[in-house]
Amino acid sequence: MVRAATARTRRPTKQTSSCSNKYDIRSVGTHEAGHIFGLKDLGSGHDNLTMYQASDPCTKKYRSLGRDDVLGLRSIY
């Protein structure tokens, strides 16, 4: 009951349209977790995947693993 009451009283965070070279912490965390599990950085041609060698500022698209990221994990484990 306390959890539901707390969730109801939180204010939503305001999204702004301006972004000045900021990186999404969840995307960075997902990428780094990939390294912990044995995945390597990927080069050109894989810029749509979480394990791509460079991430884009101002995007949240790397928060989850792409199909090839998952296949890489499956090949290890």
PDB file of N, CA and C in Angstrom:
ATOM      1  N   MET A   1       0.806  -1.197   0.000  1.00  0.00           N
ATOM      2  CA  MET A   1       0.000   0.000   0.000  1.00  0.00           C
ATOM      3  C   MET A   1       0.848   1.259   0.000  1.00  0.00           C
ATOM      4  N   VAL A   2       1.922   1.260   0.736  1.00  0.00           N
ATOM      5  CA  VAL A   2       2.790   2.436   0.783  1.00  0.00           C
ATOM      6  C   VAL A   2       3.419   2.686  -0.577  1.00  0.00           C
ATOM      7  N   ARG A   3       3.829   1.620  -1.239  1.00  0.00           N
ATOM      8  CA  ARG A   3       4.459   1.764  -2.544  1.00  0.00           C
ATOM      9  C   ARG A   3       3.507   2.430  -3.542  1.00  0.00           C
ATOM     10  N   ALA A   4       2.268   1.990  -3.576  1.00  0.00           N
ATOM     11  CA  ALA A   4       1.286   2.560  -4.503  1.00  0.00           C
ATOM     12  C   ALA A   4       1.030   4.027  -4.207  1.00  0.00           C
ATOM     13  N   ALA A   5       0.954   4.368  -2.931  1.00  0.00           N
ATOM     14  CA  ALA A   5       0.717   5.760  -2.559  1.00  0.00           C
ATOM     15  C   ALA A   5       1.904   6.634  -2.950  1.00  0.00           C
ATOM     16  N   THR A   6       3.104   6.119  -2.792  1.00  0.00           N
ATOM     17  CA  THR A   6       4.300   6.881  -3.149  1.00  0.00           C
ATOM     18  C   THR A   6       4.363   7.100  -4.648  1.00  0.00           C
ATOM     19  N   ALA A   7       4.095   6.069  -5.409  1.00  0.00           N
ATOM     20  CA  ALA A   7       4.147   6.180  -6.866  1.00  0.00           C
ATOM     21  C   ALA A   7       3.133   7.192  -7.375  1.00  0.00           C
ATOM     22  N   ARG A   8       2.007   7.283  -6.719  1.00  0.00           N
ATOM     23  CA  ARG A   8       0.960   8.194  -7.149  1.00  0.00           C
ATOM     24  C   ARG A   8       1.324   9.649  -6.883  1.00  0.00           C
ATOM     25  N   THR A   9       2.137   9.910  -5.887  1.00  0.00           N
ATOM     26  CA  THR A   9       2.441  11.291  -5.541  1.00  0.00           C
ATOM     27  C   THR A   9       3.680  11.843  -6.252  1.00  0.00           C
ATOM     28  N   ARG A  10       4.395  10.993  -6.967  1.00  0.00           N
ATOM     29  CA  ARG A  10       5.569  11.479  -7.694  1.00  0.00           C
ATOM     30  C   ARG A  10       5.160  12.344  -8.859  1.00  0.00           C
ATOM     31  N   ARG A  11       5.947  13.362  -9.091  1.00  0.00           N
ATOM     32  CA  ARG A  11       5.698  14.211 -10.247  1.00  0.00           C
ATOM     33  C   ARG A  11       6.501  13.688 -11.433  1.00  0.00           C
ATOM     34  N   PRO A  12       5.930  13.689 -12.609  1.00  0.00           N
ATOM     35  CA  PRO A  12       6.690  13.236 -13.773  1.00  0.00           C
ATOM     36  C   PRO A  12       7.819  14.223 -14.088  1.00  0.00           C
ATOM     37  N   THR A  13       8.915  13.700 -14.577  1.00  0.00           N
ATOM     38  CA  THR A  13      10.010  14.593 -14.940  1.00  0.00           C
ATOM     39  C   THR A  13       9.693  15.258 -16.270  1.00  0.00           C
ATOM     40  N   LYS A  14      10.061  16.477 -16.388  1.00  0.00           N
ATOM     41  CA  LYS A  14       9.778  17.234 -17.595  1.00  0.00           C
ATOM     42  C   LYS A  14      10.851  16.935 -18.637  1.00  0.00           C
ATOM     43  N   GLN A  15      10.426  16.559 -19.811  1.00  0.00           N
ATOM     44  CA  GLN A  15      11.346  16.309 -20.908  1.00  0.00           C
ATOM     45  C   GLN A  15      11.569  17.621 -21.663  1.00  0.00           C
ATOM     46  N   THR A  16      12.805  17.922 -21.908  1.00  0.00           N
ATOM     47  CA  THR A  16      13.098  19.119 -22.691  1.00  0.00           C
ATOM     48  C   THR A  16      13.586  18.701 -24.059  1.00  0.00           C
ATOM     49  N   SER A  17      13.349  19.534 -25.034  1.00  0.00           N
ATOM     50  CA  SER A  17      13.751  19.202 -26.392  1.00  0.00           C
ATOM     51  C   SER A  17      15.221  19.508 -26.640  1.00  0.00           C
ATOM     52  N   SER A  18      15.836  20.297 -25.793  1.00  0.00           N
ATOM     53  CA  SER A  18      17.241  20.626 -26.007  1.00  0.00           C
ATOM     54  C   SER A  18      18.137  19.647 -25.276  1.00  0.00           C
ATOM     55  N   CYS A  19      19.182  19.244 -25.930  1.00  0.00           N
ATOM     56  CA  CYS A  19      20.154  18.338 -25.354  1.00  0.00           C
ATOM     57  C   CYS A  19      21.519  18.816 -25.813  1.00  0.00           C
ATOM     58  N   SER A  20      22.376  19.062 -24.867  1.00  0.00           N
ATOM     59  CA  SER A  20      23.695  19.561 -25.235  1.00  0.00           C
ATOM     60  C   SER A  20      24.763  18.541 -24.892  1.00  0.00           C
ATOM     61  N   ASN A  21      24.900  17.533 -25.757  1.00  0.00           N
ATOM     62  CA  ASN A  21      25.964  16.549 -25.625  1.00  0.00           C
ATOM     63  C   ASN A  21      25.868  15.723 -24.339  1.00  0.00           C
ATOM     64  N   LYS A  22      24.655  15.383 -23.916  1.00  0.00           N
ATOM     65  CA  LYS A  22      24.448  14.567 -22.723  1.00  0.00           C
ATOM     66  C   LYS A  22      24.237  13.122 -23.124  1.00  0.00           C
ATOM     67  N   TYR A  23      24.738  12.205 -22.294  1.00  0.00           N
ATOM     68  CA  TYR A  23      24.595  10.784 -22.562  1.00  0.00           C
ATOM     69  C   TYR A  23      23.620  10.170 -21.575  1.00  0.00           C
ATOM     70  N   ASP A  24      22.837   9.228 -22.053  1.00  0.00           N
ATOM     71  CA  ASP A  24      21.845   8.540 -21.239  1.00  0.00           C
ATOM     72  C   ASP A  24      22.543   7.514 -20.355  1.00  0.00           C
ATOM     73  N   ILE A  25      22.414   7.644 -19.054  1.00  0.00           N
ATOM     74  CA  ILE A  25      23.125   6.789 -18.110  1.00  0.00           C
ATOM     75  C   ILE A  25      22.688   5.327 -18.231  1.00  0.00           C
ATOM     76  N   ARG A  26      21.435   5.072 -18.554  1.00  0.00           N
ATOM     77  CA  ARG A  26      20.977   3.692 -18.727  1.00  0.00           C
ATOM     78  C   ARG A  26      21.606   3.055 -19.961  1.00  0.00           C
ATOM     79  N   SER A  27      21.733   3.830 -21.029  1.00  0.00           N
ATOM     80  CA  SER A  27      22.376   3.309 -22.237  1.00  0.00           C
ATOM     81  C   SER A  27      23.841   2.986 -21.971  1.00  0.00           C
ATOM     82  N   VAL A  28      24.525   3.867 -21.286  1.00  0.00           N
ATOM     83  CA  VAL A  28      25.931   3.636 -20.942  1.00  0.00           C
ATOM     84  C   VAL A  28      26.047   2.429 -20.029  1.00  0.00           C
ATOM     85  N   GLY A  29      25.158   2.319 -19.062  1.00  0.00           N
ATOM     86  CA  GLY A  29      25.171   1.186 -18.142  1.00  0.00           C
ATOM     87  C   GLY A  29      24.933  -0.143 -18.852  1.00  0.00           C
ATOM     88  N   THR A  30      24.016  -0.165 -19.802  1.00  0.00           N
ATOM     89  CA  THR A  30      23.750  -1.383 -20.561  1.00  0.00           C
ATOM     90  C   THR A  30      24.973  -1.780 -21.377  1.00  0.00           C
ATOM     91  N   HIS A  31      25.616  -0.793 -21.999  1.00  0.00           N
ATOM     92  CA  HIS A  31      26.829  -1.055 -22.781  1.00  0.00           C
ATOM     93  C   HIS A  31      27.937  -1.627 -21.890  1.00  0.00           C
ATOM     94  N   GLU A  32      28.162  -1.002 -20.765  1.00  0.00           N
ATOM     95  CA  GLU A  32      29.217  -1.458 -19.853  1.00  0.00           C
ATOM     96  C   GLU A  32      28.900  -2.831 -19.257  1.00  0.00           C
ATOM     97  N   ALA A  33      27.633  -3.106 -19.005  1.00  0.00           N
ATOM     98  CA  ALA A  33      27.236  -4.435 -18.522  1.00  0.00           C
ATOM     99  C   ALA A  33      27.552  -5.484 -19.580  1.00  0.00           C
ATOM    100  N   GLY A  34      27.424  -5.125 -20.842  1.00  0.00           N
ATOM    101  CA  GLY A  34      27.798  -6.043 -21.914  1.00  0.00           C
ATOM    102  C   GLY A  34      29.260  -6.456 -21.805  1.00  0.00           C
ATOM    103  N   HIS A  35      30.133  -5.498 -21.451  1.00  0.00           N
ATOM    104  CA  HIS A  35      31.547  -5.821 -21.262  1.00  0.00           C
ATOM    105  C   HIS A  35      31.740  -6.778 -20.077  1.00  0.00           C
ATOM    106  N   ILE A  36      30.993  -6.560 -19.023  1.00  0.00           N
ATOM    107  CA  ILE A  36      31.091  -7.436 -17.852  1.00  0.00           C
ATOM    108  C   ILE A  36      30.763  -8.875 -18.232  1.00  0.00           C
ATOM    109  N   PHE A  37      29.805  -9.047 -19.142  1.00  0.00           N
ATOM    110  CA  PHE A  37      29.398 -10.383 -19.569  1.00  0.00           C
ATOM    111  C   PHE A  37      30.214 -10.918 -20.745  1.00  0.00           C
ATOM    112  N   GLY A  38      31.250 -10.174 -21.141  1.00  0.00           N
ATOM    113  CA  GLY A  38      32.175 -10.688 -22.148  1.00  0.00           C
ATOM    114  C   GLY A  38      32.008 -10.165 -23.556  1.00  0.00           C
ATOM    115  N   LEU A  39      31.085  -9.256 -23.787  1.00  0.00           N
ATOM    116  CA  LEU A  39      30.922  -8.705 -25.129  1.00  0.00           C
ATOM    117  C   LEU A  39      31.985  -7.651 -25.408  1.00  0.00           C
ATOM    118  N   LYS A  40      32.385  -7.560 -26.655  1.00  0.00           N
ATOM    119  CA  LYS A  40      33.384  -6.583 -27.087  1.00  0.00           C
ATOM    120  C   LYS A  40      32.685  -5.428 -27.810  1.00  0.00           C
ATOM    121  N   ASP A  41      33.402  -4.320 -27.960  1.00  0.00           N
ATOM    122  CA  ASP A  41      32.880  -3.211 -28.758  1.00  0.00           C
ATOM    123  C   ASP A  41      32.792  -3.640 -30.216  1.00  0.00           C
ATOM    124  N   LEU A  42      31.774  -3.147 -30.904  1.00  0.00           N
ATOM    125  CA  LEU A  42      31.579  -3.450 -32.316  1.00  0.00           C
ATOM    126  C   LEU A  42      31.961  -2.244 -33.159  1.00  0.00           C
ATOM    127  N   GLY A  43      32.451  -2.487 -34.338  1.00  0.00           N
ATOM    128  CA  GLY A  43      32.890  -1.418 -35.225  1.00  0.00           C
ATOM    129  C   GLY A  43      31.811  -0.973 -36.200  1.00  0.00           C
ATOM    130  N   SER A  44      32.243  -0.356 -37.287  1.00  0.00           N
ATOM    131  CA  SER A  44      31.321   0.221 -38.272  1.00  0.00           C
ATOM    132  C   SER A  44      30.379  -0.844 -38.826  1.00  0.00           C
ATOM    133  N   GLY A  45      29.214  -0.398 -39.177  1.00  0.00           N
ATOM    134  CA  GLY A  45      28.184  -1.302 -39.657  1.00  0.00           C
ATOM    135  C   GLY A  45      27.289  -1.839 -38.556  1.00  0.00           C
ATOM    136  N   HIS A  46      27.614  -1.516 -37.317  1.00  0.00           N
ATOM    137  CA  HIS A  46      26.834  -2.002 -36.175  1.00  0.00           C
ATOM    138  C   HIS A  46      26.381  -0.842 -35.280  1.00  0.00           C
ATOM    139  N   ASP A  47      26.228   0.325 -35.848  1.00  0.00           N
ATOM    140  CA  ASP A  47      25.908   1.511 -35.045  1.00  0.00           C
ATOM    141  C   ASP A  47      24.501   1.490 -34.468  1.00  0.00           C
ATOM    142  N   ASN A  48      23.705   0.486 -34.824  1.00  0.00           N
ATOM    143  CA  ASN A  48      22.365   0.355 -34.245  1.00  0.00           C
ATOM    144  C   ASN A  48      22.358  -0.534 -32.998  1.00  0.00           C
ATOM    145  N   LEU A  49      23.519  -1.105 -32.644  1.00  0.00           N
ATOM    146  CA  LEU A  49      23.590  -2.026 -31.517  1.00  0.00           C
ATOM    147  C   LEU A  49      24.155  -1.366 -30.271  1.00  0.00           C
ATOM    148  N   THR A  50      23.769  -1.881 -29.126  1.00  0.00           N
ATOM    149  CA  THR A  50      24.223  -1.349 -27.843  1.00  0.00           C
ATOM    150  C   THR A  50      25.737  -1.445 -27.701  1.00  0.00           C
ATOM    151  N   MET A  51      26.342  -2.483 -28.250  1.00  0.00           N
ATOM    152  CA  MET A  51      27.784  -2.689 -28.095  1.00  0.00           C
ATOM    153  C   MET A  51      28.612  -1.984 -29.172  1.00  0.00           C
ATOM    154  N   TYR A  52      28.006  -1.081 -29.918  1.00  0.00           N
ATOM    155  CA  TYR A  52      28.753  -0.272 -30.888  1.00  0.00           C
ATOM    156  C   TYR A  52      29.808   0.537 -30.137  1.00  0.00           C
ATOM    157  N   GLN A  53      30.961   0.738 -30.770  1.00  0.00           N
ATOM    158  CA  GLN A  53      32.109   1.355 -30.103  1.00  0.00           C
ATOM    159  C   GLN A  53      31.888   2.797 -29.662  1.00  0.00           C
ATOM    160  N   ALA A  54      30.931   3.483 -30.222  1.00  0.00           N
ATOM    161  CA  ALA A  54      30.654   4.872 -29.824  1.00  0.00           C
ATOM    162  C   ALA A  54      29.147   5.053 -29.695  1.00  0.00           C
ATOM    163  N   SER A  55      28.718   5.693 -28.633  1.00  0.00           N
ATOM    164  CA  SER A  55      27.283   5.933 -28.479  1.00  0.00           C
ATOM    165  C   SER A  55      26.960   7.368 -28.863  1.00  0.00           C
ATOM    166  N   ASP A  56      25.716   7.570 -29.184  1.00  0.00           N
ATOM    167  CA  ASP A  56      25.261   8.902 -29.590  1.00  0.00           C
ATOM    168  C   ASP A  56      24.735   9.659 -28.388  1.00  0.00           C
ATOM    169  N   PRO A  57      25.092  10.920 -28.252  1.00  0.00           N
ATOM    170  CA  PRO A  57      24.496  11.721 -27.178  1.00  0.00           C
ATOM    171  C   PRO A  57      23.022  11.986 -27.487  1.00  0.00           C
ATOM    172  N   CYS A  58      22.288  12.253 -26.473  1.00  0.00           N
ATOM    173  CA  CYS A  58      20.877  12.659 -26.590  1.00  0.00           C
ATOM    174  C   CYS A  58      19.959  11.571 -27.142  1.00  0.00           C
ATOM    175  N   THR A  59      20.287  10.307 -26.923  1.00  0.00           N
ATOM    176  CA  THR A  59      19.413   9.228 -27.377  1.00  0.00           C
ATOM    177  C   THR A  59      19.272   8.180 -26.289  1.00  0.00           C
ATOM    178  N   LYS A  60      18.127   7.505 -26.321  1.00  0.00           N
ATOM    179  CA  LYS A  60      17.863   6.432 -25.360  1.00  0.00           C
ATOM    180  C   LYS A  60      17.773   5.082 -26.070  1.00  0.00           C
ATOM    181  N   LYS A  61      18.170   5.026 -27.330  1.00  0.00           N
ATOM    182  CA  LYS A  61      17.978   3.809 -28.109  1.00  0.00           C
ATOM    183  C   LYS A  61      18.881   2.656 -27.710  1.00  0.00           C
ATOM    184  N   TYR A  62      19.926   2.909 -26.931  1.00  0.00           N
ATOM    185  CA  TYR A  62      20.843   1.845 -26.540  1.00  0.00           C
ATOM    186  C   TYR A  62      20.526   1.262 -25.164  1.00  0.00           C
ATOM    187  N   ARG A  63      19.366   1.555 -24.626  1.00  0.00           N
ATOM    188  CA  ARG A  63      18.998   1.041 -23.296  1.00  0.00           C
ATOM    189  C   ARG A  63      18.753  -0.460 -23.297  1.00  0.00           C
ATOM    190  N   SER A  64      18.375  -0.992 -24.423  1.00  0.00           N
ATOM    191  CA  SER A  64      18.137  -2.436 -24.504  1.00  0.00           C
ATOM    192  C   SER A  64      19.049  -3.040 -25.567  1.00  0.00           C
ATOM    193  N   LEU A  65      19.258  -4.329 -25.463  1.00  0.00           N
ATOM    194  CA  LEU A  65      20.156  -5.010 -26.383  1.00  0.00           C
ATOM    195  C   LEU A  65      19.480  -5.265 -27.718  1.00  0.00           C
ATOM    196  N   GLY A  66      20.259  -5.119 -28.779  1.00  0.00           N
ATOM    197  CA  GLY A  66      19.774  -5.468 -30.102  1.00  0.00           C
ATOM    198  C   GLY A  66      19.861  -6.968 -30.326  1.00  0.00           C
ATOM    199  N   ARG A  67      19.298  -7.440 -31.416  1.00  0.00           N
ATOM    200  CA  ARG A  67      19.273  -8.871 -31.710  1.00  0.00           C
ATOM    201  C   ARG A  67      20.688  -9.446 -31.748  1.00  0.00           C
ATOM    202  N   ASP A  68      21.602  -8.771 -32.419  1.00  0.00           N
ATOM    203  CA  ASP A  68      22.969  -9.276 -32.506  1.00  0.00           C
ATOM    204  C   ASP A  68      23.700  -9.214 -31.172  1.00  0.00           C
ATOM    205  N   ASP A  69      23.354  -8.236 -30.313  1.00  0.00           N
ATOM    206  CA  ASP A  69      23.922  -8.211 -28.963  1.00  0.00           C
ATOM    207  C   ASP A  69      23.508  -9.473 -28.211  1.00  0.00           C
ATOM    208  N   VAL A  70      22.240  -9.838 -28.322  1.00  0.00           N
ATOM    209  CA  VAL A  70      21.716 -11.027 -27.647  1.00  0.00           C
ATOM    210  C   VAL A  70      22.363 -12.285 -28.220  1.00  0.00           C
ATOM    211  N   LEU A  71      22.515 -12.346 -29.536  1.00  0.00           N
ATOM    212  CA  LEU A  71      23.164 -13.513 -30.144  1.00  0.00           C
ATOM    213  C   LEU A  71      24.611 -13.640 -29.672  1.00  0.00           C
ATOM    214  N   GLY A  72      25.291 -12.518 -29.483  1.00  0.00           N
ATOM    215  CA  GLY A  72      26.651 -12.552 -28.951  1.00  0.00           C
ATOM    216  C   GLY A  72      26.683 -13.134 -27.550  1.00  0.00           C
ATOM    217  N   LEU A  73      25.743 -12.740 -26.722  1.00  0.00           N
ATOM    218  CA  LEU A  73      25.663 -13.304 -25.362  1.00  0.00           C
ATOM    219  C   LEU A  73      25.367 -14.796 -25.394  1.00  0.00           C
ATOM    220  N   ARG A  74      24.471 -15.188 -26.283  1.00  0.00           N
ATOM    221  CA  ARG A  74      24.123 -16.616 -26.387  1.00  0.00           C
ATOM    222  C   ARG A  74      25.309 -17.440 -26.831  1.00  0.00           C
ATOM    223  N   SER A  75      26.168 -16.860 -27.669  1.00  0.00           N
ATOM    224  CA  SER A  75      27.337 -17.624 -28.132  1.00  0.00           C
ATOM    225  C   SER A  75      28.355 -17.817 -27.013  1.00  0.00           C
ATOM    226  N   ILE A  76      28.348 -16.901 -26.045  1.00  0.00           N
ATOM    227  CA  ILE A  76      29.276 -17.012 -24.903  1.00  0.00           C
ATOM    228  C   ILE A  76      28.720 -17.980 -23.866  1.00  0.00           C
ATOM    229  N   TYR A  77      27.426 -17.873 -23.598  1.00  0.00           N
ATOM    230  CA  TYR A  77      26.820 -18.673 -22.542  1.00  0.00           C
ATOM    231  C   TYR A  77      25.908 -19.721 -23.145  1.00  0.00           C
TER     232      TYR A  77
END
